[in-house]
Structure formats: C-alpha cells, structure tokens
C-alpha cells in the first residue's frame, strides 16, 4: 500500500519521486528545498510542493508510461509554458509500483 505522505495524482510530487529529483530541462536548476536526512516519499513530496510554490512548470507527457516536462519558472516563462498548480492526473502503474516499494514493508 502506497504511503499517504505523497500525492501521486499531483504531477509535481509524482515527477519528483519518479526522477528522484526535479531538474529543469532548460537550465539544470533544482527547486530550493532543504536537503533531507533521508531520501524518502515525504522528501519527494516536499520537493514537488516547493517547485510548485516557486512557479515551476511540471506536467506529465501524454502517451508515455511515466515521463514529465520539468522547467523552472524562468525557463517555463521563456517557453510560454504556464504552470497549473491545480493539475491532477491518474498515476501510471509504474509510479504506483515505485511508490509502493518505497513505502516499505506492510504493517500487516
């Protein structure tokens, strides 16, 4: 069962988890977020939400299993890409499986 600390319907959090980081495809910048003591689902949720708050553009690429467009606010603006912080999507089976494995053993 996937941990409730991450919202995989939010492309910002899903992309951070899937790619392990968010790195701008235009300039290579990363969102400003405090480095964790441990890389886990809660950290990827924080990275995704920090990128959203900082005006990044993160969107799933249609027709692929798990792939995202990722641009910092400046590069998104230069490409006329408008962030949509309310966007949601149905996570792929690959994303759900990765999150389930990262959640650790079941408490059953």
C-alpha atoms as a PDB file:
ATOM      1  CA  UNK A   1       0.000   0.000   0.000  1.00  0.00           C
ATOM      2  CA  UNK A   2       1.363   3.395  -1.014  1.00  0.00           C
ATOM      3  CA  UNK A   3       2.209   5.726   1.833  1.00  0.00           C
ATOM      4  CA  UNK A   4      -0.155   8.621   2.394  1.00  0.00           C
ATOM      5  CA  UNK A   5       2.748  11.082   2.695  1.00  0.00           C
ATOM      6  CA  UNK A   6       2.832  11.625  -1.087  1.00  0.00           C
ATOM      7  CA  UNK A   7       0.089  12.608  -3.524  1.00  0.00           C
ATOM      8  CA  UNK A   8       0.821  10.760  -6.769  1.00  0.00           C
ATOM      9  CA  UNK A   9      -2.093  12.476  -8.529  1.00  0.00           C
ATOM     10  CA  UNK A  10      -0.078  15.705  -8.277  1.00  0.00           C
ATOM     11  CA  UNK A  11       2.415  15.746 -11.169  1.00  0.00           C
ATOM     12  CA  UNK A  12       4.876  17.847  -9.140  1.00  0.00           C
ATOM     13  CA  UNK A  13       5.193  15.221  -6.404  1.00  0.00           C
ATOM     14  CA  UNK A  14       4.959  12.285  -8.816  1.00  0.00           C
ATOM     15  CA  UNK A  15       7.758  13.672 -11.017  1.00  0.00           C
ATOM     16  CA  UNK A  16       9.984  14.364  -8.005  1.00  0.00           C
ATOM     17  CA  UNK A  17       9.529  10.786  -6.798  1.00  0.00           C
ATOM     18  CA  UNK A  18       9.927   9.171 -10.220  1.00  0.00           C
ATOM     19  CA  UNK A  19      13.025  11.149 -11.193  1.00  0.00           C
ATOM     20  CA  UNK A  20      14.354  11.252  -7.581  1.00  0.00           C
ATOM     21  CA  UNK A  21      14.906  14.999  -8.099  1.00  0.00           C
ATOM     22  CA  UNK A  22      13.402  17.805 -10.128  1.00  0.00           C
ATOM     23  CA  UNK A  23      15.938  19.254 -12.527  1.00  0.00           C
ATOM     24  CA  UNK A  24      14.970  21.931 -15.038  1.00  0.00           C
ATOM     25  CA  UNK A  25      15.256  20.666 -18.607  1.00  0.00           C
ATOM     26  CA  UNK A  26      16.223  24.154 -19.730  1.00  0.00           C
ATOM     27  CA  UNK A  27      18.954  25.248 -17.353  1.00  0.00           C
ATOM     28  CA  UNK A  28      19.630  22.397 -14.927  1.00  0.00           C
ATOM     29  CA  UNK A  29      18.457  24.259 -11.812  1.00  0.00           C
ATOM     30  CA  UNK A  30      16.731  22.461  -8.948  1.00  0.00           C
ATOM     31  CA  UNK A  31      13.969  23.765  -6.661  1.00  0.00           C
ATOM     32  CA  UNK A  32      15.194  25.384  -3.471  1.00  0.00           C
ATOM     33  CA  UNK A  33      14.478  22.899  -0.692  1.00  0.00           C
ATOM     34  CA  UNK A  34      16.356  21.855   2.425  1.00  0.00           C
ATOM     35  CA  UNK A  35      18.325  18.650   1.923  1.00  0.00           C
ATOM     36  CA  UNK A  36      16.904  15.736   3.881  1.00  0.00           C
ATOM     37  CA  UNK A  37      18.487  13.450   6.404  1.00  0.00           C
ATOM     38  CA  UNK A  38      16.901  10.668   4.365  1.00  0.00           C
ATOM     39  CA  UNK A  39      15.542  10.438   0.819  1.00  0.00           C
ATOM     40  CA  UNK A  40      12.020   9.085   1.142  1.00  0.00           C
ATOM     41  CA  UNK A  41       8.490   9.713  -0.121  1.00  0.00           C
ATOM     42  CA  UNK A  42       7.957  12.588   2.319  1.00  0.00           C
ATOM     43  CA  UNK A  43      11.049  14.304   0.902  1.00  0.00           C
ATOM     44  CA  UNK A  44       9.862  13.887  -2.696  1.00  0.00           C
ATOM     45  CA  UNK A  45       6.508  15.347  -1.688  1.00  0.00           C
ATOM     46  CA  UNK A  46       8.340  18.384  -0.219  1.00  0.00           C
ATOM     47  CA  UNK A  47      10.427  18.800  -3.394  1.00  0.00           C
ATOM     48  CA  UNK A  48       7.340  18.687  -5.609  1.00  0.00           C
ATOM     49  CA  UNK A  49       5.450  21.171  -3.464  1.00  0.00           C
ATOM     50  CA  UNK A  50       8.471  23.502  -3.256  1.00  0.00           C
ATOM     51  CA  UNK A  51       8.722  23.518  -7.062  1.00  0.00           C
ATOM     52  CA  UNK A  52       5.016  24.279  -7.301  1.00  0.00           C
ATOM     53  CA  UNK A  53       5.340  27.173  -4.824  1.00  0.00           C
ATOM     54  CA  UNK A  54       8.353  28.505  -6.749  1.00  0.00           C
ATOM     55  CA  UNK A  55       6.367  28.669 -10.010  1.00  0.00           C
ATOM     56  CA  UNK A  56       7.854  25.689 -11.790  1.00  0.00           C
ATOM     57  CA  UNK A  57       6.082  24.024 -14.726  1.00  0.00           C
ATOM     58  CA  UNK A  58       5.720  20.272 -14.247  1.00  0.00           C
ATOM     59  CA  UNK A  59       3.360  18.276 -16.442  1.00  0.00           C
ATOM     60  CA  UNK A  60       3.012  14.638 -17.423  1.00  0.00           C
ATOM     61  CA  UNK A  61       3.849  13.897 -21.046  1.00  0.00           C
ATOM     62  CA  UNK A  62       0.827  12.374 -22.745  1.00  0.00           C
ATOM     63  CA  UNK A  63       1.163   8.915 -24.194  1.00  0.00           C
ATOM     64  CA  UNK A  64       4.107   7.758 -22.121  1.00  0.00           C
ATOM     65  CA  UNK A  65       4.156   5.469 -19.132  1.00  0.00           C
ATOM     66  CA  UNK A  66       5.904   7.837 -16.714  1.00  0.00           C
ATOM     67  CA  UNK A  67       7.527  10.929 -18.121  1.00  0.00           C
ATOM     68  CA  UNK A  68       7.274  14.603 -17.270  1.00  0.00           C
ATOM     69  CA  UNK A  69       8.160  18.010 -18.653  1.00  0.00           C
ATOM     70  CA  UNK A  70      10.048  19.910 -15.949  1.00  0.00           C
ATOM     71  CA  UNK A  71      11.013  23.584 -16.230  1.00  0.00           C
ATOM     72  CA  UNK A  72      11.912  26.164 -13.594  1.00  0.00           C
ATOM     73  CA  UNK A  73       9.816  29.341 -13.536  1.00  0.00           C
ATOM     74  CA  UNK A  74      12.266  31.298 -15.712  1.00  0.00           C
ATOM     75  CA  UNK A  75      12.628  28.604 -18.381  1.00  0.00           C
ATOM     76  CA  UNK A  76       8.879  27.936 -18.380  1.00  0.00           C
ATOM     77  CA  UNK A  77       8.240  31.640 -18.925  1.00  0.00           C
ATOM     78  CA  UNK A  78      10.793  31.725 -21.763  1.00  0.00           C
ATOM     79  CA  UNK A  79       8.868  28.857 -23.421  1.00  0.00           C
ATOM     80  CA  UNK A  80       5.430  30.403 -22.735  1.00  0.00           C
ATOM     81  CA  UNK A  81       4.532  27.439 -20.519  1.00  0.00           C
ATOM     82  CA  UNK A  82       2.001  28.334 -17.829  1.00  0.00           C
ATOM     83  CA  UNK A  83       2.199  26.342 -14.580  1.00  0.00           C
ATOM     84  CA  UNK A  84      -1.051  24.741 -13.473  1.00  0.00           C
ATOM     85  CA  UNK A  85      -0.714  24.024  -9.727  1.00  0.00           C
ATOM     86  CA  UNK A  86      -4.207  22.505  -9.631  1.00  0.00           C
ATOM     87  CA  UNK A  87      -3.456  19.911 -12.348  1.00  0.00           C
ATOM     88  CA  UNK A  88      -4.071  16.302 -11.380  1.00  0.00           C
ATOM     89  CA  UNK A  89      -3.607  13.097 -13.340  1.00  0.00           C
ATOM     90  CA  UNK A  90      -4.029   9.350 -12.951  1.00  0.00           C
ATOM     91  CA  UNK A  91      -0.659   7.908 -11.943  1.00  0.00           C
ATOM     92  CA  UNK A  92       0.656   5.076 -14.092  1.00  0.00           C
ATOM     93  CA  UNK A  93       1.164   1.556 -12.808  1.00  0.00           C
ATOM     94  CA  UNK A  94       4.924   2.210 -12.829  1.00  0.00           C
ATOM     95  CA  UNK A  95       4.537   5.206 -10.482  1.00  0.00           C
ATOM     96  CA  UNK A  96       2.265   3.266  -8.143  1.00  0.00           C
ATOM     97  CA  UNK A  97       4.671   0.317  -8.034  1.00  0.00           C
ATOM     98  CA  UNK A  98       7.697   2.521  -7.299  1.00  0.00           C
ATOM     99  CA  UNK A  99       5.837   4.347  -4.536  1.00  0.00           C
ATOM    100  CA  UNK A 100       4.613   1.073  -3.075  1.00  0.00           C
ATOM    101  CA  UNK A 101       8.148  -0.316  -2.978  1.00  0.00           C
ATOM    102  CA  UNK A 102       9.459   2.928  -1.463  1.00  0.00           C
ATOM    103  CA  UNK A 103       6.759   2.815   1.231  1.00  0.00           C
ATOM    104  CA  UNK A 104       8.495  -0.104   2.894  1.00  0.00           C
ATOM    105  CA  UNK A 105       7.066  -3.301   4.256  1.00  0.00           C
ATOM    106  CA  UNK A 106       3.379  -3.607   5.045  1.00  0.00           C
ATOM    107  CA  UNK A 107       2.375  -3.329   8.685  1.00  0.00           C
ATOM    108  CA  UNK A 108       0.208  -6.468   8.370  1.00  0.00           C
END
